[in-house]
Amino acid sequence: ESEEAKKYLAETIRAIESMQFGPQVQPLAKKAVEADPNFALAHYFVAATLPPPEAKPHIDKAVELSKNASEAERRYIEALVFIRTQQADKGI
């Protein structure tokens, strides 16, 4: 991941933790993807800013890219996807 992409992702996460969601945070998440299109976690956070039908392509991309990510990032994405798809019991 590029430093620029990590910076935008950190800003995205801070905004979400400050109770900003969806359209308010989406530009930051998209900037992370633009800075590094192969950053799996950035793709997941774009998905997190969208309603389920629109999020699916981004979730699929995050899962695909996570195959080449660190084990920690891959497992984190897997857990988030299970939670997002209401299969939390599989993420445990």
C-alpha atoms as a PDB file:
ATOM      1  CA  GLU A   1       0.000   0.000   0.000  1.00  0.00           C
ATOM      2  CA  SER A   2       1.197   3.477  -0.768  1.00  0.00           C
ATOM      3  CA  GLU A   3       1.702   5.998   2.030  1.00  0.00           C
ATOM      4  CA  GLU A   4      -0.891   8.260   0.409  1.00  0.00           C
ATOM      5  CA  ALA A   5      -3.459   5.447   0.356  1.00  0.00           C
ATOM      6  CA  LYS A   6      -2.721   4.608   4.001  1.00  0.00           C
ATOM      7  CA  LYS A   7      -3.193   8.279   4.916  1.00  0.00           C
ATOM      8  CA  TYR A   8      -6.614   8.426   3.255  1.00  0.00           C
ATOM      9  CA  LEU A   9      -7.652   5.125   4.810  1.00  0.00           C
ATOM     10  CA  ALA A  10      -6.627   6.359   8.272  1.00  0.00           C
ATOM     11  CA  GLU A  11      -8.717   9.500   7.696  1.00  0.00           C
ATOM     12  CA  THR A  12     -11.638   7.326   6.586  1.00  0.00           C
ATOM     13  CA  ILE A  13     -11.434   5.199   9.717  1.00  0.00           C
ATOM     14  CA  ARG A  14     -11.159   8.273  11.960  1.00  0.00           C
ATOM     15  CA  ALA A  15     -14.244   9.764  10.316  1.00  0.00           C
ATOM     16  CA  ILE A  16     -16.226   6.539  10.793  1.00  0.00           C
ATOM     17  CA  GLU A  17     -15.124   6.343  14.428  1.00  0.00           C
ATOM     18  CA  SER A  18     -16.374   9.948  14.787  1.00  0.00           C
ATOM     19  CA  MET A  19     -19.815   8.735  13.685  1.00  0.00           C
ATOM     20  CA  GLN A  20     -19.607  10.015  10.116  1.00  0.00           C
ATOM     21  CA  PHE A  21     -20.955   7.477   7.678  1.00  0.00           C
ATOM     22  CA  GLY A  22     -21.828   6.809   4.050  1.00  0.00           C
ATOM     23  CA  PRO A  23     -21.721   9.778   1.706  1.00  0.00           C
ATOM     24  CA  GLN A  24     -19.782  11.891   4.215  1.00  0.00           C
ATOM     25  CA  VAL A  25     -16.866   9.431   4.281  1.00  0.00           C
ATOM     26  CA  GLN A  26     -17.033   7.968   0.790  1.00  0.00           C
ATOM     27  CA  PRO A  27     -14.739  10.566  -0.883  1.00  0.00           C
ATOM     28  CA  LEU A  28     -11.922   9.742   1.547  1.00  0.00           C
ATOM     29  CA  ALA A  29     -12.272   6.005   0.979  1.00  0.00           C
ATOM     30  CA  LYS A  30     -12.322   6.520  -2.784  1.00  0.00           C
ATOM     31  CA  LYS A  31      -9.164   8.630  -2.584  1.00  0.00           C
ATOM     32  CA  ALA A  32      -7.429   5.713  -0.845  1.00  0.00           C
ATOM     33  CA  VAL A  33      -8.407   3.425  -3.738  1.00  0.00           C
ATOM     34  CA  GLU A  34      -7.335   6.008  -6.314  1.00  0.00           C
ATOM     35  CA  ALA A  35      -3.963   6.329  -4.581  1.00  0.00           C
ATOM     36  CA  ASP A  36      -3.478   2.541  -4.608  1.00  0.00           C
ATOM     37  CA  PRO A  37      -5.965   0.476  -6.645  1.00  0.00           C
ATOM     38  CA  ASN A  38      -4.458  -2.747  -5.234  1.00  0.00           C
ATOM     39  CA  PHE A  39      -5.081  -1.833  -1.578  1.00  0.00           C
ATOM     40  CA  ALA A  40      -7.648  -4.432  -0.501  1.00  0.00           C
ATOM     41  CA  LEU A  41      -8.649  -2.739   2.736  1.00  0.00           C
ATOM     42  CA  ALA A  42      -9.295   0.551   0.946  1.00  0.00           C
ATOM     43  CA  HIS A  43     -11.726  -1.239  -1.376  1.00  0.00           C
ATOM     44  CA  TYR A  44     -13.494  -2.712   1.635  1.00  0.00           C
ATOM     45  CA  PHE A  45     -13.937   0.727   3.183  1.00  0.00           C
ATOM     46  CA  VAL A  46     -15.415   2.078  -0.051  1.00  0.00           C
ATOM     47  CA  ALA A  47     -17.922  -0.773   0.239  1.00  0.00           C
ATOM     48  CA  ALA A  48     -18.583   0.178   3.858  1.00  0.00           C
ATOM     49  CA  THR A  49     -19.762   3.619   2.711  1.00  0.00           C
ATOM     50  CA  LEU A  50     -22.326   2.209   0.284  1.00  0.00           C
ATOM     51  CA  PRO A  51     -25.686   0.445   0.629  1.00  0.00           C
ATOM     52  CA  PRO A  52     -25.461  -3.350   0.160  1.00  0.00           C
ATOM     53  CA  PRO A  53     -26.363  -3.648  -3.534  1.00  0.00           C
ATOM     54  CA  GLU A  54     -23.832  -0.991  -4.550  1.00  0.00           C
ATOM     55  CA  ALA A  55     -21.199  -2.309  -2.127  1.00  0.00           C
ATOM     56  CA  LYS A  56     -20.970  -5.828  -3.570  1.00  0.00           C
ATOM     57  CA  PRO A  57     -18.484  -5.093  -6.393  1.00  0.00           C
ATOM     58  CA  HIS A  58     -16.203  -3.330  -3.918  1.00  0.00           C
ATOM     59  CA  ILE A  59     -16.463  -6.170  -1.409  1.00  0.00           C
ATOM     60  CA  ASP A  60     -15.679  -8.665  -4.153  1.00  0.00           C
ATOM     61  CA  LYS A  61     -12.651  -6.600  -5.188  1.00  0.00           C
ATOM     62  CA  ALA A  62     -11.429  -6.375  -1.589  1.00  0.00           C
ATOM     63  CA  VAL A  63     -11.709 -10.146  -1.192  1.00  0.00           C
ATOM     64  CA  GLU A  64      -9.920 -10.746  -4.506  1.00  0.00           C
ATOM     65  CA  LEU A  65      -7.069  -8.371  -3.621  1.00  0.00           C
ATOM     66  CA  SER A  66      -6.794  -9.704  -0.080  1.00  0.00           C
ATOM     67  CA  LYS A  67      -5.442 -12.960  -1.506  1.00  0.00           C
ATOM     68  CA  ASN A  68      -2.180 -11.067  -2.124  1.00  0.00           C
ATOM     69  CA  ALA A  69      -2.280  -9.039   1.102  1.00  0.00           C
ATOM     70  CA  SER A  70      -0.759  -9.873   4.451  1.00  0.00           C
ATOM     71  CA  GLU A  71      -2.442 -12.615   6.431  1.00  0.00           C
ATOM     72  CA  ALA A  72      -3.635 -10.049   8.975  1.00  0.00           C
ATOM     73  CA  GLU A  73      -5.245  -7.853   6.307  1.00  0.00           C
ATOM     74  CA  ARG A  74      -6.811 -10.893   4.618  1.00  0.00           C
ATOM     75  CA  ARG A  75      -8.305 -12.180   7.872  1.00  0.00           C
ATOM     76  CA  TYR A  76      -9.548  -8.711   8.829  1.00  0.00           C
ATOM     77  CA  ILE A  77     -11.309  -8.354   5.488  1.00  0.00           C
ATOM     78  CA  GLU A  78     -12.788 -11.845   5.797  1.00  0.00           C
ATOM     79  CA  ALA A  79     -14.175 -11.008   9.240  1.00  0.00           C
ATOM     80  CA  LEU A  80     -15.609  -7.681   8.041  1.00  0.00           C
ATOM     81  CA  VAL A  81     -17.237  -9.384   5.074  1.00  0.00           C
ATOM     82  CA  PHE A  82     -18.817 -12.041   7.302  1.00  0.00           C
ATOM     83  CA  ILE A  83     -20.200  -9.321   9.559  1.00  0.00           C
ATOM     84  CA  ARG A  84     -21.428  -7.230   6.630  1.00  0.00           C
ATOM     85  CA  THR A  85     -23.154 -10.244   5.051  1.00  0.00           C
ATOM     86  CA  GLN A  86     -24.703 -11.243   8.379  1.00  0.00           C
ATOM     87  CA  GLN A  87     -22.562 -14.356   8.750  1.00  0.00           C
ATOM     88  CA  ALA A  88     -20.666 -13.181  11.833  1.00  0.00           C
ATOM     89  CA  ASP A  89     -20.555 -16.687  13.256  1.00  0.00           C
ATOM     90  CA  LYS A  90     -18.223 -17.696  10.407  1.00  0.00           C
ATOM     91  CA  GLY A  91     -15.792 -14.921  11.249  1.00  0.00           C
ATOM     92  CA  ILE A  92     -15.171 -16.194  14.760  1.00  0.00           C
END
